[in-house]
C-alpha atoms as a PDB file:
ATOM      1  CA  MET A   1     -37.114 -33.985   9.355  1.00  0.00           C
ATOM      2  CA  ALA A   2     -33.538 -33.023   8.474  1.00  0.00           C
ATOM      3  CA  THR A   3     -32.025 -30.085  10.277  1.00  0.00           C
ATOM      4  CA  SER A   4     -30.858 -27.067   8.325  1.00  0.00           C
ATOM      5  CA  ILE A   5     -27.259 -26.000   8.206  1.00  0.00           C
ATOM      6  CA  TYR A   6     -27.877 -22.448   6.987  1.00  0.00           C
ATOM      7  CA  SER A   7     -30.808 -20.064   7.090  1.00  0.00           C
ATOM      8  CA  ASP A   8     -31.480 -16.502   5.977  1.00  0.00           C
ATOM      9  CA  PHE A   9     -34.630 -14.464   5.597  1.00  0.00           C
ATOM     10  CA  ASN A  10     -36.453 -14.714   2.270  1.00  0.00           C
ATOM     11  CA  ILE A  11     -35.478 -11.657   0.209  1.00  0.00           C
ATOM     12  CA  GLU A  12     -39.030 -11.340  -1.120  1.00  0.00           C
ATOM     13  CA  LEU A  13     -40.150 -10.825   2.513  1.00  0.00           C
ATOM     14  CA  PRO A  14     -43.295 -12.984   2.531  1.00  0.00           C
ATOM     15  CA  LYS A  15     -44.883 -13.371   5.954  1.00  0.00           C
ATOM     16  CA  GLN A  16     -45.577 -16.589   7.803  1.00  0.00           C
ATOM     17  CA  GLN A  17     -48.841 -17.313   9.622  1.00  0.00           C
ATOM     18  CA  ASP A  18     -47.421 -15.801  12.817  1.00  0.00           C
ATOM     19  CA  GLY A  19     -46.510 -12.543  11.033  1.00  0.00           C
ATOM     20  CA  ASP A  20     -42.767 -13.158  11.085  1.00  0.00           C
ATOM     21  CA  VAL A  21     -40.755 -13.010   7.867  1.00  0.00           C
ATOM     22  CA  GLU A  22     -40.372 -16.364   6.119  1.00  0.00           C
ATOM     23  CA  LYS A  23     -36.882 -17.837   6.003  1.00  0.00           C
ATOM     24  CA  ASN A  24     -34.953 -19.788   3.412  1.00  0.00           C
ATOM     25  CA  THR A  25     -32.709 -22.633   4.445  1.00  0.00           C
ATOM     26  CA  ASP A  26     -29.615 -24.356   3.167  1.00  0.00           C
ATOM     27  CA  LEU A  27     -29.421 -24.316  -0.627  1.00  0.00           C
ATOM     28  CA  TYR A  28     -32.028 -21.594  -1.059  1.00  0.00           C
ATOM     29  CA  ALA A  29     -30.392 -19.372   1.565  1.00  0.00           C
ATOM     30  CA  VAL A  30     -27.055 -19.612  -0.232  1.00  0.00           C
ATOM     31  CA  LYS A  31     -28.719 -19.098  -3.649  1.00  0.00           C
ATOM     32  CA  ASN A  32     -30.382 -15.884  -2.420  1.00  0.00           C
ATOM     33  CA  SER A  33     -27.052 -14.726  -0.999  1.00  0.00           C
ATOM     34  CA  ILE A  34     -25.307 -15.311  -4.352  1.00  0.00           C
ATOM     35  CA  ILE A  35     -27.977 -13.304  -6.166  1.00  0.00           C
ATOM     36  CA  ASN A  36     -27.669 -10.528  -3.564  1.00  0.00           C
ATOM     37  CA  ILE A  37     -23.884 -10.356  -3.970  1.00  0.00           C
ATOM     38  CA  LEU A  38     -24.078 -10.276  -7.785  1.00  0.00           C
ATOM     39  CA  MET A  39     -26.814  -7.632  -7.848  1.00  0.00           C
ATOM     40  CA  THR A  40     -25.073  -5.312  -5.380  1.00  0.00           C
ATOM     41  CA  ARG A  41     -22.809  -2.736  -6.982  1.00  0.00           C
ATOM     42  CA  LYS A  42     -19.491  -2.240  -5.289  1.00  0.00           C
ATOM     43  CA  GLY A  43     -19.554   1.035  -3.385  1.00  0.00           C
ATOM     44  CA  SER A  44     -23.318   1.049  -2.815  1.00  0.00           C
ATOM     45  CA  ARG A  45     -23.109  -0.044   0.814  1.00  0.00           C
ATOM     46  CA  ARG A  46     -21.804   2.822   2.902  1.00  0.00           C
ATOM     47  CA  MET A  47     -20.322   0.812   5.762  1.00  0.00           C
ATOM     48  CA  LEU A  48     -19.022  -2.000   3.518  1.00  0.00           C
ATOM     49  CA  PRO A  49     -18.040  -0.354   0.193  1.00  0.00           C
ATOM     50  CA  GLU A  50     -16.140  -3.394  -1.141  1.00  0.00           C
ATOM     51  CA  PHE A  51     -19.193  -5.651  -0.820  1.00  0.00           C
ATOM     52  CA  GLY A  52     -20.803  -6.765  -4.051  1.00  0.00           C
ATOM     53  CA  CYS A  53     -19.695  -7.480  -7.579  1.00  0.00           C
ATOM     54  CA  GLY A  54     -18.246  -5.223 -10.281  1.00  0.00           C
ATOM     55  CA  ILE A  55     -20.113  -6.730 -13.237  1.00  0.00           C
ATOM     56  CA  TYR A  56     -22.128  -3.562 -13.815  1.00  0.00           C
ATOM     57  CA  TYR A  57     -18.986  -1.645 -14.711  1.00  0.00           C
ATOM     58  CA  MET A  58     -18.368  -4.034 -17.627  1.00  0.00           C
ATOM     59  CA  LEU A  59     -21.788  -3.791 -19.258  1.00  0.00           C
ATOM     60  CA  PHE A  60     -20.804  -1.021 -21.640  1.00  0.00           C
ATOM     61  CA  GLU A  61     -17.535  -2.592 -22.693  1.00  0.00           C
ATOM     62  CA  PRO A  62     -17.419  -4.283 -26.109  1.00  0.00           C
ATOM     63  CA  ILE A  63     -19.663  -7.372 -26.268  1.00  0.00           C
ATOM     64  CA  ASP A  64     -17.066 -10.106 -26.748  1.00  0.00           C
ATOM     65  CA  MET A  65     -15.554 -13.128 -25.011  1.00  0.00           C
ATOM     66  CA  LYS A  66     -12.769 -11.044 -23.478  1.00  0.00           C
ATOM     67  CA  THR A  67     -15.330  -8.979 -21.601  1.00  0.00           C
ATOM     68  CA  GLY A  68     -17.304 -12.154 -20.881  1.00  0.00           C
ATOM     69  CA  ASN A  69     -14.219 -13.712 -19.299  1.00  0.00           C
ATOM     70  CA  SER A  70     -13.686 -10.561 -17.215  1.00  0.00           C
ATOM     71  CA  ILE A  71     -17.302 -10.796 -15.999  1.00  0.00           C
ATOM     72  CA  GLY A  72     -16.766 -14.458 -15.115  1.00  0.00           C
ATOM     73  CA  ASN A  73     -13.583 -13.645 -13.185  1.00  0.00           C
ATOM     74  CA  GLU A  74     -15.369 -10.853 -11.299  1.00  0.00           C
ATOM     75  CA  ILE A  75     -18.181 -13.253 -10.336  1.00  0.00           C
ATOM     76  CA  VAL A  76     -15.733 -15.908  -9.130  1.00  0.00           C
ATOM     77  CA  ASN A  77     -13.742 -13.351  -7.089  1.00  0.00           C
ATOM     78  CA  ALA A  78     -16.880 -11.838  -5.511  1.00  0.00           C
ATOM     79  CA  LEU A  79     -18.360 -15.202  -4.532  1.00  0.00           C
ATOM     80  CA  ARG A  80     -15.103 -16.517  -3.135  1.00  0.00           C
ATOM     81  CA  ARG A  81     -14.734 -13.390  -1.031  1.00  0.00           C
ATOM     82  CA  TRP A  82     -18.294 -12.870   0.184  1.00  0.00           C
ATOM     83  CA  GLU A  83     -19.966 -16.303   0.198  1.00  0.00           C
ATOM     84  CA  PRO A  84     -17.871 -18.884   2.055  1.00  0.00           C
ATOM     85  CA  ARG A  85     -20.834 -21.316   2.176  1.00  0.00           C
ATOM     86  CA  CYS A  86     -20.684 -21.684  -1.608  1.00  0.00           C
ATOM     87  CA  ILE A  87     -18.521 -24.215  -3.462  1.00  0.00           C
ATOM     88  CA  LEU A  88     -18.240 -23.052  -7.091  1.00  0.00           C
ATOM     89  CA  ASN A  89     -18.351 -25.865  -9.619  1.00  0.00           C
ATOM     90  CA  ALA A  90     -18.550 -23.793 -12.816  1.00  0.00           C
ATOM     91  CA  VAL A  91     -19.226 -20.275 -14.057  1.00  0.00           C
ATOM     92  CA  ASN A  92     -20.233 -20.265 -17.727  1.00  0.00           C
ATOM     93  CA  ILE A  93     -20.624 -17.111 -19.806  1.00  0.00           C
ATOM     94  CA  ASP A  94     -22.277 -17.236 -23.232  1.00  0.00           C
ATOM     95  CA  VAL A  95     -22.336 -14.156 -25.442  1.00  0.00           C
ATOM     96  CA  ASN A  96     -25.419 -13.327 -27.498  1.00  0.00           C
ATOM     97  CA  TYR A  97     -24.056 -10.715 -29.909  1.00  0.00           C
ATOM     98  CA  ASP A  98     -27.404 -10.003 -31.588  1.00  0.00           C
ATOM     99  CA  ALA A  99     -29.162  -9.149 -28.325  1.00  0.00           C
ATOM    100  CA  ASN A 100     -26.140  -7.514 -26.597  1.00  0.00           C
ATOM    101  CA  GLN A 101     -26.431 -10.019 -23.753  1.00  0.00           C
ATOM    102  CA  TYR A 102     -24.316 -12.233 -21.573  1.00  0.00           C
ATOM    103  CA  MET A 103     -26.031 -15.399 -20.388  1.00  0.00           C
ATOM    104  CA  ILE A 104     -24.464 -16.436 -17.106  1.00  0.00           C
ATOM    105  CA  SER A 105     -24.824 -19.826 -15.481  1.00  0.00           C
ATOM    106  CA  ILE A 106     -23.304 -20.496 -12.047  1.00  0.00           C
ATOM    107  CA  ASP A 107     -23.205 -24.093 -10.844  1.00  0.00           C
ATOM    108  CA  PHE A 108     -22.529 -24.465  -7.124  1.00  0.00           C
ATOM    109  CA  SER A 109     -23.059 -26.588  -4.070  1.00  0.00           C
ATOM    110  CA  ILE A 110     -22.906 -25.660  -0.417  1.00  0.00           C
ATOM    111  CA  THR A 111     -20.401 -26.700   2.190  1.00  0.00           C
ATOM    112  CA  GLY A 112     -21.784 -29.524   4.260  1.00  0.00           C
ATOM    113  CA  LYS A 113     -23.916 -30.788   1.352  1.00  0.00           C
ATOM    114  CA  PRO A 114     -21.554 -31.016  -1.652  1.00  0.00           C
ATOM    115  CA  SER A 115     -23.639 -33.674  -3.404  1.00  0.00           C
ATOM    116  CA  VAL A 116     -26.527 -31.250  -4.063  1.00  0.00           C
ATOM    117  CA  ILE A 117     -25.749 -28.995  -7.034  1.00  0.00           C
ATOM    118  CA  GLU A 118     -27.820 -25.921  -7.903  1.00  0.00           C
ATOM    119  CA  THR A 119     -27.626 -23.452 -10.755  1.00  0.00           C
ATOM    120  CA  VAL A 120     -28.180 -19.689 -10.745  1.00  0.00           C
ATOM    121  CA  LYS A 121     -28.871 -18.186 -14.174  1.00  0.00           C
ATOM    122  CA  LEU A 122     -28.640 -14.499 -15.006  1.00  0.00           C
ATOM    123  CA  ILE A 123     -28.853 -12.430 -18.137  1.00  0.00           C
ATOM    124  CA  LEU A 124     -26.834  -9.210 -18.329  1.00  0.00           C
ATOM    125  CA  GLN A 125     -27.863  -6.855 -21.081  1.00  0.00           C
ATOM    126  CA  ALA A 126     -26.528  -3.483 -22.129  1.00  0.00           C
ATOM    127  CA  LEU A 127     -29.372  -1.366 -23.448  1.00  0.00           C
END
């Protein structure tokens, strides 16, 4: 059995047989961390107000590629700052004008295992 490089607790908090919280390892630990960073609004953590990503502040800007590029830049900056285990390969933003949505696709690998590439997909929608 291969040893894990990284581990974090599973953010859904399922319990193991022994009652302890289940953990995610390697790729899944980094993937959960990426989602946590992107879903945390800057300023929402009292002791670490700069933690998170500022994509929420752009949701009510005009739906266009300029705003999409700003969202992409914010994602890249947040992940480079807060997730050193992540190697970004690509951040793609597609605009769906009819649905007022941004479809975001983040391709990444983790340090120590650069040959394994994973994708995180998100949809941002202004209601």
